[in-house]
Amino acid sequence: MMTKYKEYVAKMLKENKEIFESFRNLHDDYALNPDGLQDRFNTEGKKVLEIIHEYENRLCANTERGMYNKFSQGLAEKFQNEVRKIFPKIDYIGLITTQEFVLKKINLS
């Protein structure tokens, strides 16, 4: 028997198959060579994160009330860790890339 959070991860991936397959390809490319892919990774990753949070909220909705509210945080953490197993670089979404700032010397002679 599969645990509830694993069921929700599987359901999320199945119900949003095209988005996650597309993101899988980008994620894998990003993992190998993040240079130049950060902006695209952030943009497409934002959509993916919205879906992940939606399913996490559905999973935890019934446990947040009453005596199970402490359980809810652990459940959310297990759900997020399961997602990280599939997409290890998921936490890199939203990183801001900066260009190195260089001052050119002015020749005064």
Protein backbone atom coordinates (compact mmCIF):
# COMPACT_ATOMS: atom_id res chain seq x y z
CA MET A 1 0.00 0.00 0.00
CA MET A 2 1.30 3.43 -0.99
CA THR A 3 1.36 6.20 1.61
CA LYS A 4 -0.97 9.15 1.13
CA TYR A 5 1.72 11.68 0.27
CA LYS A 6 3.24 9.34 -2.34
CA GLU A 7 -0.25 8.85 -3.81
CA TYR A 8 -0.63 12.61 -4.13
CA VAL A 9 2.77 12.98 -5.82
CA ALA A 10 1.87 10.21 -8.30
CA LYS A 11 -1.56 11.77 -8.89
CA MET A 12 -0.01 15.21 -9.43
CA LEU A 13 2.49 13.84 -11.97
CA LYS A 14 -0.21 11.87 -13.78
CA GLU A 15 -2.77 14.69 -13.93
CA ASN A 16 -0.16 17.18 -15.19
CA LYS A 17 1.85 14.77 -17.30
CA GLU A 18 2.76 17.11 -20.18
CA ILE A 19 3.93 19.93 -17.92
CA PHE A 20 6.04 17.63 -15.77
CA GLU A 21 7.55 15.78 -18.75
CA SER A 22 8.56 19.10 -20.30
CA PHE A 23 9.94 20.26 -16.96
CA ARG A 24 11.81 16.95 -16.51
CA ASN A 25 13.76 17.61 -19.73
CA LEU A 26 14.56 21.17 -18.71
CA HIS A 27 15.43 20.06 -15.16
CA ASP A 28 17.85 17.44 -16.44
CA ASP A 29 19.50 19.91 -18.83
CA TYR A 30 19.73 22.46 -16.02
CA ALA A 31 21.31 19.88 -13.69
CA LEU A 32 24.06 19.22 -16.24
CA ASN A 33 24.65 22.83 -17.25
CA PRO A 34 22.82 25.59 -15.32
CA ASP A 35 24.61 28.41 -17.14
CA GLY A 36 22.19 30.14 -19.46
CA LEU A 37 19.20 28.08 -18.37
CA GLN A 38 18.40 29.79 -15.06
CA ASP A 39 15.87 32.27 -16.48
CA ARG A 40 13.97 29.57 -18.38
CA PHE A 41 14.22 27.25 -15.37
CA ASN A 42 12.71 30.00 -13.19
CA THR A 43 9.89 30.75 -15.63
CA GLU A 44 8.82 27.16 -16.28
CA GLY A 45 9.59 26.17 -12.71
CA LYS A 46 7.20 28.78 -11.37
CA LYS A 47 4.27 27.00 -13.06
CA VAL A 48 5.50 23.67 -11.71
CA LEU A 49 5.80 25.06 -8.17
CA GLU A 50 2.22 26.36 -8.33
CA ILE A 51 1.00 22.86 -9.20
CA ILE A 52 3.15 21.30 -6.46
CA HIS A 53 1.79 23.71 -3.83
CA GLU A 54 -1.78 23.10 -4.99
CA TYR A 55 -1.43 19.35 -4.46
CA GLU A 56 0.41 19.84 -1.18
CA ASN A 57 -2.48 22.01 0.03
CA ARG A 58 -5.02 19.38 -1.04
CA LEU A 59 -3.05 16.70 0.81
CA CYS A 60 -2.79 18.73 4.01
CA ALA A 61 -6.23 20.36 3.95
CA ASN A 62 -7.90 17.76 6.15
CA THR A 63 -5.09 17.51 8.68
CA GLU A 64 -4.65 21.22 9.42
CA ARG A 65 -7.73 21.37 11.62
CA GLY A 66 -8.08 19.89 15.05
CA MET A 67 -5.71 17.52 16.75
CA TYR A 68 -3.85 16.59 13.54
CA ASN A 69 -2.44 20.06 12.80
CA LYS A 70 1.06 19.08 14.00
CA PHE A 71 0.90 16.08 11.67
CA SER A 72 0.16 18.40 8.73
CA GLN A 73 3.60 20.02 8.76
CA GLY A 74 5.33 16.64 8.72
CA LEU A 75 3.07 15.47 5.92
CA ALA A 76 3.91 18.55 3.85
CA GLU A 77 7.61 17.94 4.46
CA LYS A 78 7.33 14.31 3.34
CA PHE A 79 5.46 15.42 0.22
CA GLN A 80 8.16 18.01 -0.61
CA ASN A 81 10.94 15.46 -0.01
CA GLU A 82 9.22 13.03 -2.37
CA VAL A 83 9.12 15.75 -5.03
CA ARG A 84 12.83 16.45 -4.41
CA LYS A 85 13.61 12.77 -5.11
CA ILE A 86 12.13 13.24 -8.58
CA PHE A 87 13.43 16.78 -9.16
CA PRO A 88 16.57 17.28 -7.03
CA LYS A 89 17.11 20.83 -8.38
CA ILE A 90 13.55 22.00 -7.58
CA ASP A 91 14.84 24.31 -4.85
CA TYR A 92 16.93 26.18 -7.43
CA ILE A 93 13.80 27.65 -9.02
CA GLY A 94 13.75 31.38 -8.44
CA LEU A 95 17.48 31.89 -8.12
CA ILE A 96 18.53 35.23 -9.51
CA THR A 97 21.52 35.19 -11.76
CA THR A 98 23.72 38.23 -11.72
CA GLN A 99 26.20 39.39 -14.25
CA GLU A 100 29.60 40.18 -12.87
CA PHE A 101 30.11 43.92 -12.63
CA VAL A 102 33.46 45.07 -13.98
CA LEU A 103 34.88 48.58 -13.90
CA LYS A 104 37.10 49.37 -16.81
CA LYS A 105 40.21 51.37 -16.06
CA ILE A 106 40.36 54.77 -17.62
CA ASN A 107 43.71 55.77 -19.02
CA LEU A 108 44.36 59.38 -17.96
CA SER A 109 47.69 59.89 -19.71
